[in-house]
Amino acid sequence: MAKEGNIEMEGTIVDTLPNTMFRVQLENGHIVIAHISGKMRKNYIRILTGDKVKVEMTPYDLSKGRIVYRAR
């Protein structure tokens, strides 16, 4: 559930970066850098290249985001 004003989009993990950061290609073709949300980190949700994820972004910086859900 996105906060008011935040943008939620679907995407695919393209690359794994250091410090639990990921390069995500969104459905519209844009590539963003995203980190894992706190609840996913706390519950040890593993994310691999090729996984489908839901990314939450703020309208102020559309080049960065937070991964809030990993599809099965």
PDB file of N, CA and C in Angstrom:
ATOM      1  N   MET A   1       0.848  -1.172   0.000  1.00  0.00           N
ATOM      2  CA  MET A   1       0.000   0.000   0.000  1.00  0.00           C
ATOM      3  C   MET A   1       0.895   1.237   0.000  1.00  0.00           C
ATOM      4  N   ALA A   2       0.825   2.018  -1.042  1.00  0.00           N
ATOM      5  CA  ALA A   2       1.680   3.201  -1.179  1.00  0.00           C
ATOM      6  C   ALA A   2       1.153   4.342  -0.314  1.00  0.00           C
ATOM      7  N   LYS A   3       2.072   5.139   0.202  1.00  0.00           N
ATOM      8  CA  LYS A   3       1.667   6.335   0.936  1.00  0.00           C
ATOM      9  C   LYS A   3       1.076   7.331  -0.038  1.00  0.00           C
ATOM     10  N   GLU A   4       0.360   8.290   0.488  1.00  0.00           N
ATOM     11  CA  GLU A   4      -0.239   9.316  -0.362  1.00  0.00           C
ATOM     12  C   GLU A   4       0.849  10.087  -1.095  1.00  0.00           C
ATOM     13  N   GLY A   5       0.736  10.195  -2.400  1.00  0.00           N
ATOM     14  CA  GLY A   5       1.711  10.935  -3.193  1.00  0.00           C
ATOM     15  C   GLY A   5       2.821  10.074  -3.762  1.00  0.00           C
ATOM     16  N   ASN A   6       3.012   8.860  -3.226  1.00  0.00           N
ATOM     17  CA  ASN A   6       4.044   7.978  -3.763  1.00  0.00           C
ATOM     18  C   ASN A   6       3.522   7.229  -4.978  1.00  0.00           C
ATOM     19  N   ILE A   7       4.442   6.853  -5.865  1.00  0.00           N
ATOM     20  CA  ILE A   7       4.094   6.157  -7.101  1.00  0.00           C
ATOM     21  C   ILE A   7       4.527   4.707  -6.966  1.00  0.00           C
ATOM     22  N   GLU A   8       3.624   3.765  -7.254  1.00  0.00           N
ATOM     23  CA  GLU A   8       3.949   2.344  -7.210  1.00  0.00           C
ATOM     24  C   GLU A   8       3.952   1.791  -8.620  1.00  0.00           C
ATOM     25  N   MET A   9       5.029   1.078  -8.981  1.00  0.00           N
ATOM     26  CA  MET A   9       5.139   0.499 -10.321  1.00  0.00           C
ATOM     27  C   MET A   9       5.696  -0.910 -10.222  1.00  0.00           C
ATOM     28  N   GLU A  10       5.405  -1.715 -11.236  1.00  0.00           N
ATOM     29  CA  GLU A  10       5.944  -3.075 -11.330  1.00  0.00           C
ATOM     30  C   GLU A  10       7.230  -3.036 -12.139  1.00  0.00           C
ATOM     31  N   GLY A  11       8.139  -3.960 -11.845  1.00  0.00           N
ATOM     32  CA  GLY A  11       9.390  -4.012 -12.583  1.00  0.00           C
ATOM     33  C   GLY A  11      10.075  -5.355 -12.423  1.00  0.00           C
ATOM     34  N   THR A  12      11.230  -5.495 -13.080  1.00  0.00           N
ATOM     35  CA  THR A  12      12.025  -6.715 -13.042  1.00  0.00           C
ATOM     36  C   THR A  12      13.441  -6.362 -12.606  1.00  0.00           C
ATOM     37  N   ILE A  13      14.021  -7.189 -11.736  1.00  0.00           N
ATOM     38  CA  ILE A  13      15.395  -6.974 -11.282  1.00  0.00           C
ATOM     39  C   ILE A  13      16.340  -7.279 -12.435  1.00  0.00           C
ATOM     40  N   VAL A  14      17.193  -6.307 -12.783  1.00  0.00           N
ATOM     41  CA  VAL A  14      18.144  -6.461 -13.879  1.00  0.00           C
ATOM     42  C   VAL A  14      19.529  -6.790 -13.348  1.00  0.00           C
ATOM     43  N   ASP A  15      19.906  -6.166 -12.227  1.00  0.00           N
ATOM     44  CA  ASP A  15      21.269  -6.300 -11.719  1.00  0.00           C
ATOM     45  C   ASP A  15      21.258  -6.141 -10.205  1.00  0.00           C
ATOM     46  N   THR A  16      22.174  -6.856  -9.540  1.00  0.00           N
ATOM     47  CA  THR A  16      22.341  -6.730  -8.098  1.00  0.00           C
ATOM     48  C   THR A  16      23.554  -5.858  -7.823  1.00  0.00           C
ATOM     49  N   LEU A  17      23.389  -4.862  -6.953  1.00  0.00           N
ATOM     50  CA  LEU A  17      24.453  -3.935  -6.595  1.00  0.00           C
ATOM     51  C   LEU A  17      24.822  -4.138  -5.124  1.00  0.00           C
ATOM     52  N   PRO A  18      25.962  -3.589  -4.681  1.00  0.00           N
ATOM     53  CA  PRO A  18      26.340  -3.739  -3.266  1.00  0.00           C
ATOM     54  C   PRO A  18      25.335  -3.069  -2.329  1.00  0.00           C
ATOM     55  N   ASN A  19      25.382  -3.461  -1.051  1.00  0.00           N
ATOM     56  CA  ASN A  19      24.547  -2.886   0.013  1.00  0.00           C
ATOM     57  C   ASN A  19      23.057  -3.051  -0.253  1.00  0.00           C
ATOM     58  N   THR A  20      22.647  -4.219  -0.688  1.00  0.00           N
ATOM     59  CA  THR A  20      21.238  -4.567  -0.954  1.00  0.00           C
ATOM     60  C   THR A  20      20.541  -3.549  -1.847  1.00  0.00           C
ATOM     61  N   MET A  21      21.254  -3.052  -2.843  1.00  0.00           N
ATOM     62  CA  MET A  21      20.667  -2.167  -3.846  1.00  0.00           C
ATOM     63  C   MET A  21      20.498  -2.982  -5.129  1.00  0.00           C
ATOM     64  N   PHE A  22      19.499  -2.630  -5.914  1.00  0.00           N
ATOM     65  CA  PHE A  22      19.196  -3.364  -7.137  1.00  0.00           C
ATOM     66  C   PHE A  22      18.903  -2.393  -8.265  1.00  0.00           C
ATOM     67  N   ARG A  23      19.238  -2.802  -9.486  1.00  0.00           N
ATOM     68  CA  ARG A  23      18.861  -2.043 -10.674  1.00  0.00           C
ATOM     69  C   ARG A  23      17.586  -2.706 -11.191  1.00  0.00           C
ATOM     70  N   VAL A  24      16.515  -1.923 -11.295  1.00  0.00           N
ATOM     71  CA  VAL A  24      15.193  -2.440 -11.662  1.00  0.00           C
ATOM     72  C   VAL A  24      14.736  -1.790 -12.956  1.00  0.00           C
ATOM     73  N   GLN A  25      14.290  -2.630 -13.908  1.00  0.00           N
ATOM     74  CA  GLN A  25      13.698  -2.099 -15.133  1.00  0.00           C
ATOM     75  C   GLN A  25      12.185  -2.104 -14.959  1.00  0.00           C
ATOM     76  N   LEU A  26      11.594  -0.916 -15.028  1.00  0.00           N
ATOM     77  CA  LEU A  26      10.155  -0.777 -14.841  1.00  0.00           C
ATOM     78  C   LEU A  26       9.412  -1.218 -16.098  1.00  0.00           C
ATOM     79  N   GLU A  27       8.097  -1.382 -15.968  1.00  0.00           N
ATOM     80  CA  GLU A  27       7.271  -1.802 -17.106  1.00  0.00           C
ATOM     81  C   GLU A  27       7.354  -0.830 -18.268  1.00  0.00           C
ATOM     82  N   ASN A  28       7.546   0.466 -17.962  1.00  0.00           N
ATOM     83  CA  ASN A  28       7.590   1.470 -19.027  1.00  0.00           C
ATOM     84  C   ASN A  28       8.976   1.592 -19.653  1.00  0.00           C
ATOM     85  N   GLY A  29       9.950   0.767 -19.214  1.00  0.00           N
ATOM     86  CA  GLY A  29      11.272   0.759 -19.820  1.00  0.00           C
ATOM     87  C   GLY A  29      12.330   1.527 -19.060  1.00  0.00           C
ATOM     88  N   HIS A  30      11.935   2.390 -18.126  1.00  0.00           N
ATOM     89  CA  HIS A  30      12.912   3.153 -17.348  1.00  0.00           C
ATOM     90  C   HIS A  30      13.657   2.234 -16.383  1.00  0.00           C
ATOM     91  N   ILE A  31      14.909   2.579 -16.095  1.00  0.00           N
ATOM     92  CA  ILE A  31      15.713   1.815 -15.141  1.00  0.00           C
ATOM     93  C   ILE A  31      15.962   2.690 -13.920  1.00  0.00           C
ATOM     94  N   VAL A  32      15.678   2.137 -12.723  1.00  0.00           N
ATOM     95  CA  VAL A  32      15.862   2.867 -11.473  1.00  0.00           C
ATOM     96  C   VAL A  32      16.725   2.036 -10.524  1.00  0.00           C
ATOM     97  N   ILE A  33      17.321   2.717  -9.550  1.00  0.00           N
ATOM     98  CA  ILE A  33      18.067   2.061  -8.480  1.00  0.00           C
ATOM     99  C   ILE A  33      17.120   1.950  -7.285  1.00  0.00           C
ATOM    100  N   ALA A  34      17.002   0.745  -6.715  1.00  0.00           N
ATOM    101  CA  ALA A  34      16.061   0.550  -5.612  1.00  0.00           C
ATOM    102  C   ALA A  34      16.712  -0.235  -4.478  1.00  0.00           C
ATOM    103  N   HIS A  35      16.264   0.048  -3.254  1.00  0.00           N
ATOM    104  CA  HIS A  35      16.719  -0.711  -2.093  1.00  0.00           C
ATOM    105  C   HIS A  35      15.528  -1.459  -1.502  1.00  0.00           C
ATOM    106  N   ILE A  36      15.812  -2.404  -0.612  1.00  0.00           N
ATOM    107  CA  ILE A  36      14.759  -3.230  -0.017  1.00  0.00           C
ATOM    108  C   ILE A  36      14.117  -2.467   1.144  1.00  0.00           C
ATOM    109  N   SER A  37      12.804  -2.589   1.281  1.00  0.00           N
ATOM    110  CA  SER A  37      12.116  -1.945   2.400  1.00  0.00           C
ATOM    111  C   SER A  37      12.491  -2.647   3.708  1.00  0.00           C
ATOM    112  N   GLY A  38      12.262  -1.969   4.810  1.00  0.00           N
ATOM    113  CA  GLY A  38      12.648  -2.483   6.121  1.00  0.00           C
ATOM    114  C   GLY A  38      11.983  -3.797   6.491  1.00  0.00           C
ATOM    115  N   LYS A  39      10.704  -3.957   6.176  1.00  0.00           N
ATOM    116  CA  LYS A  39       9.999  -5.194   6.518  1.00  0.00           C
ATOM    117  C   LYS A  39      10.540  -6.375   5.722  1.00  0.00           C
ATOM    118  N   MET A  40      10.901  -6.142   4.457  1.00  0.00           N
ATOM    119  CA  MET A  40      11.471  -7.220   3.647  1.00  0.00           C
ATOM    120  C   MET A  40      12.852  -7.598   4.171  1.00  0.00           C
ATOM    121  N   ARG A  41      13.618  -6.604   4.596  1.00  0.00           N
ATOM    122  CA  ARG A  41      14.956  -6.857   5.154  1.00  0.00           C
ATOM    123  C   ARG A  41      14.836  -7.638   6.472  1.00  0.00           C
ATOM    124  N   LYS A  42      13.871  -7.242   7.306  1.00  0.00           N
ATOM    125  CA  LYS A  42      13.676  -7.879   8.610  1.00  0.00           C
ATOM    126  C   LYS A  42      13.248  -9.342   8.468  1.00  0.00           C
ATOM    127  N   ASN A  43      12.434  -9.631   7.462  1.00  0.00           N
ATOM    128  CA  ASN A  43      11.937 -10.992   7.246  1.00  0.00           C
ATOM    129  C   ASN A  43      12.807 -11.811   6.304  1.00  0.00           C
ATOM    130  N   TYR A  44      13.993 -11.309   5.981  1.00  0.00           N
ATOM    131  CA  TYR A  44      14.977 -12.020   5.150  1.00  0.00           C
ATOM    132  C   TYR A  44      14.405 -12.462   3.804  1.00  0.00           C
ATOM    133  N   ILE A  45      13.656 -11.585   3.137  1.00  0.00           N
ATOM    134  CA  ILE A  45      13.135 -11.876   1.804  1.00  0.00           C
ATOM    135  C   ILE A  45      14.297 -11.781   0.825  1.00  0.00           C
ATOM    136  N   ARG A  46      14.565 -12.860   0.100  1.00  0.00           N
ATOM    137  CA  ARG A  46      15.677 -12.891  -0.850  1.00  0.00           C
ATOM    138  C   ARG A  46      15.198 -12.431  -2.220  1.00  0.00           C
ATOM    139  N   ILE A  47      15.986 -11.581  -2.858  1.00  0.00           N
ATOM    140  CA  ILE A  47      15.652 -11.075  -4.187  1.00  0.00           C
ATOM    141  C   ILE A  47      16.790 -11.434  -5.125  1.00  0.00           C
ATOM    142  N   LEU A  48      16.454 -12.046  -6.256  1.00  0.00           N
ATOM    143  CA  LEU A  48      17.444 -12.470  -7.241  1.00  0.00           C
ATOM    144  C   LEU A  48      17.189 -11.779  -8.572  1.00  0.00           C
ATOM    145  N   THR A  49      18.194 -11.806  -9.443  1.00  0.00           N
ATOM    146  CA  THR A  49      18.049 -11.234 -10.782  1.00  0.00           C
ATOM    147  C   THR A  49      16.919 -11.948 -11.516  1.00  0.00           C
ATOM    148  N   GLY A  50      16.041 -11.181 -12.142  1.00  0.00           N
ATOM    149  CA  GLY A  50      14.913 -11.736 -12.880  1.00  0.00           C
ATOM    150  C   GLY A  50      13.608 -11.747 -12.110  1.00  0.00           C
ATOM    151  N   ASP A  51      13.647 -11.487 -10.809  1.00  0.00           N
ATOM    152  CA  ASP A  51      12.421 -11.474 -10.006  1.00  0.00           C
ATOM    153  C   ASP A  51      11.537 -10.289 -10.380  1.00  0.00           C
ATOM    154  N   LYS A  52      10.233 -10.509 -10.339  1.00  0.00           N
ATOM    155  CA  LYS A  52       9.259  -9.433 -10.538  1.00  0.00           C
ATOM    156  C   LYS A  52       9.019  -8.767  -9.186  1.00  0.00           C
ATOM    157  N   VAL A  53       9.104  -7.445  -9.144  1.00  0.00           N
ATOM    158  CA  VAL A  53       8.958  -6.714  -7.885  1.00  0.00           C
ATOM    159  C   VAL A  53       8.031  -5.519  -8.067  1.00  0.00           C
ATOM    160  N   LYS A  54       7.545  -5.014  -6.945  1.00  0.00           N
ATOM    161  CA  LYS A  54       6.760  -3.781  -6.921  1.00  0.00           C
ATOM    162  C   LYS A  54       7.640  -2.716  -6.285  1.00  0.00           C
ATOM    163  N   VAL A  55       7.823  -1.589  -6.979  1.00  0.00           N
ATOM    164  CA  VAL A  55       8.714  -0.521  -6.527  1.00  0.00           C
ATOM    165  C   VAL A  55       7.891   0.713  -6.189  1.00  0.00           C
ATOM    166  N   GLU A  56       8.187   1.312  -5.041  1.00  0.00           N
ATOM    167  CA  GLU A  56       7.525   2.543  -4.608  1.00  0.00           C
ATOM    168  C   GLU A  56       8.515   3.689  -4.789  1.00  0.00           C
ATOM    169  N   MET A  57       8.068   4.751  -5.462  1.00  0.00           N
ATOM    170  CA  MET A  57       8.942   5.899  -5.721  1.00  0.00           C
ATOM    171  C   MET A  57       8.247   7.178  -5.279  1.00  0.00           C
ATOM    172  N   THR A  58       9.051   8.169  -4.919  1.00  0.00           N
ATOM    173  CA  THR A  58       8.524   9.483  -4.577  1.00  0.00           C
ATOM    174  C   THR A  58       8.539  10.353  -5.835  1.00  0.00           C
ATOM    175  N   PRO A  59       7.595  11.247  -5.994  1.00  0.00           N
ATOM    176  CA  PRO A  59       7.587  12.096  -7.197  1.00  0.00           C
ATOM    177  C   PRO A  59       8.762  13.072  -7.263  1.00  0.00           C
ATOM    178  N   TYR A  60       9.495  13.230  -6.160  1.00  0.00           N
ATOM    179  CA  TYR A  60      10.606  14.177  -6.139  1.00  0.00           C
ATOM    180  C   TYR A  60      11.850  13.633  -6.818  1.00  0.00           C
ATOM    181  N   ASP A  61      12.084  12.314  -6.753  1.00  0.00           N
ATOM    182  CA  ASP A  61      13.256  11.705  -7.382  1.00  0.00           C
ATOM    183  C   ASP A  61      12.831  10.387  -8.014  1.00  0.00           C
ATOM    184  N   LEU A  62      12.587  10.410  -9.316  1.00  0.00           N
ATOM    185  CA  LEU A  62      12.093   9.222 -10.010  1.00  0.00           C
ATOM    186  C   LEU A  62      13.207   8.280 -10.450  1.00  0.00           C
ATOM    187  N   SER A  63      14.459   8.542 -10.038  1.00  0.00           N
ATOM    188  CA  SER A  63      15.558   7.648 -10.400  1.00  0.00           C
ATOM    189  C   SER A  63      15.867   6.656  -9.278  1.00  0.00           C
ATOM    190  N   LYS A  64      15.226   6.823  -8.112  1.00  0.00           N
ATOM    191  CA  LYS A  64      15.455   5.934  -6.975  1.00  0.00           C
ATOM    192  C   LYS A  64      14.118   5.426  -6.462  1.00  0.00           C
ATOM    193  N   GLY A  65      14.145   4.250  -5.828  1.00  0.00           N
ATOM    194  CA  GLY A  65      12.907   3.695  -5.309  1.00  0.00           C
ATOM    195  C   GLY A  65      13.148   2.703  -4.188  1.00  0.00           C
ATOM    196  N   ARG A  66      12.049   2.163  -3.675  1.00  0.00           N
ATOM    197  CA  ARG A  66      12.081   1.184  -2.597  1.00  0.00           C
ATOM    198  C   ARG A  66      11.290  -0.039  -3.048  1.00  0.00           C
ATOM    199  N   ILE A  67      11.883  -1.216  -2.914  1.00  0.00           N
ATOM    200  CA  ILE A  67      11.198  -2.460  -3.275  1.00  0.00           C
ATOM    201  C   ILE A  67      10.303  -2.841  -2.099  1.00  0.00           C
ATOM    202  N   VAL A  68       8.992  -2.921  -2.354  1.00  0.00           N
ATOM    203  CA  VAL A  68       8.047  -3.205  -1.278  1.00  0.00           C
ATOM    204  C   VAL A  68       7.405  -4.581  -1.399  1.00  0.00           C
ATOM    205  N   TYR A  69       7.568  -5.267  -2.535  1.00  0.00           N
ATOM    206  CA  TYR A  69       6.939  -6.574  -2.720  1.00  0.00           C
ATOM    207  C   TYR A  69       7.685  -7.363  -3.781  1.00  0.00           C
ATOM    208  N   ARG A  70       7.874  -8.669  -3.541  1.00  0.00           N
ATOM    209  CA  ARG A  70       8.469  -9.559  -4.541  1.00  0.00           C
ATOM    210  C   ARG A  70       7.414 -10.580  -4.933  1.00  0.00           C
ATOM    211  N   ALA A  71       7.105 -10.657  -6.224  1.00  0.00           N
ATOM    212  CA  ALA A  71       6.109 -11.616  -6.707  1.00  0.00           C
ATOM    213  C   ALA A  71       6.696 -13.022  -6.659  1.00  0.00           C
ATOM    214  N   ARG A  72       5.853 -14.010  -6.492  1.00  0.00           N
ATOM    215  CA  ARG A  72       6.322 -15.393  -6.389  1.00  0.00           C
ATOM    216  C   ARG A  72       6.752 -15.946  -7.695  1.00  0.00           C
TER     217      ARG A  72
END
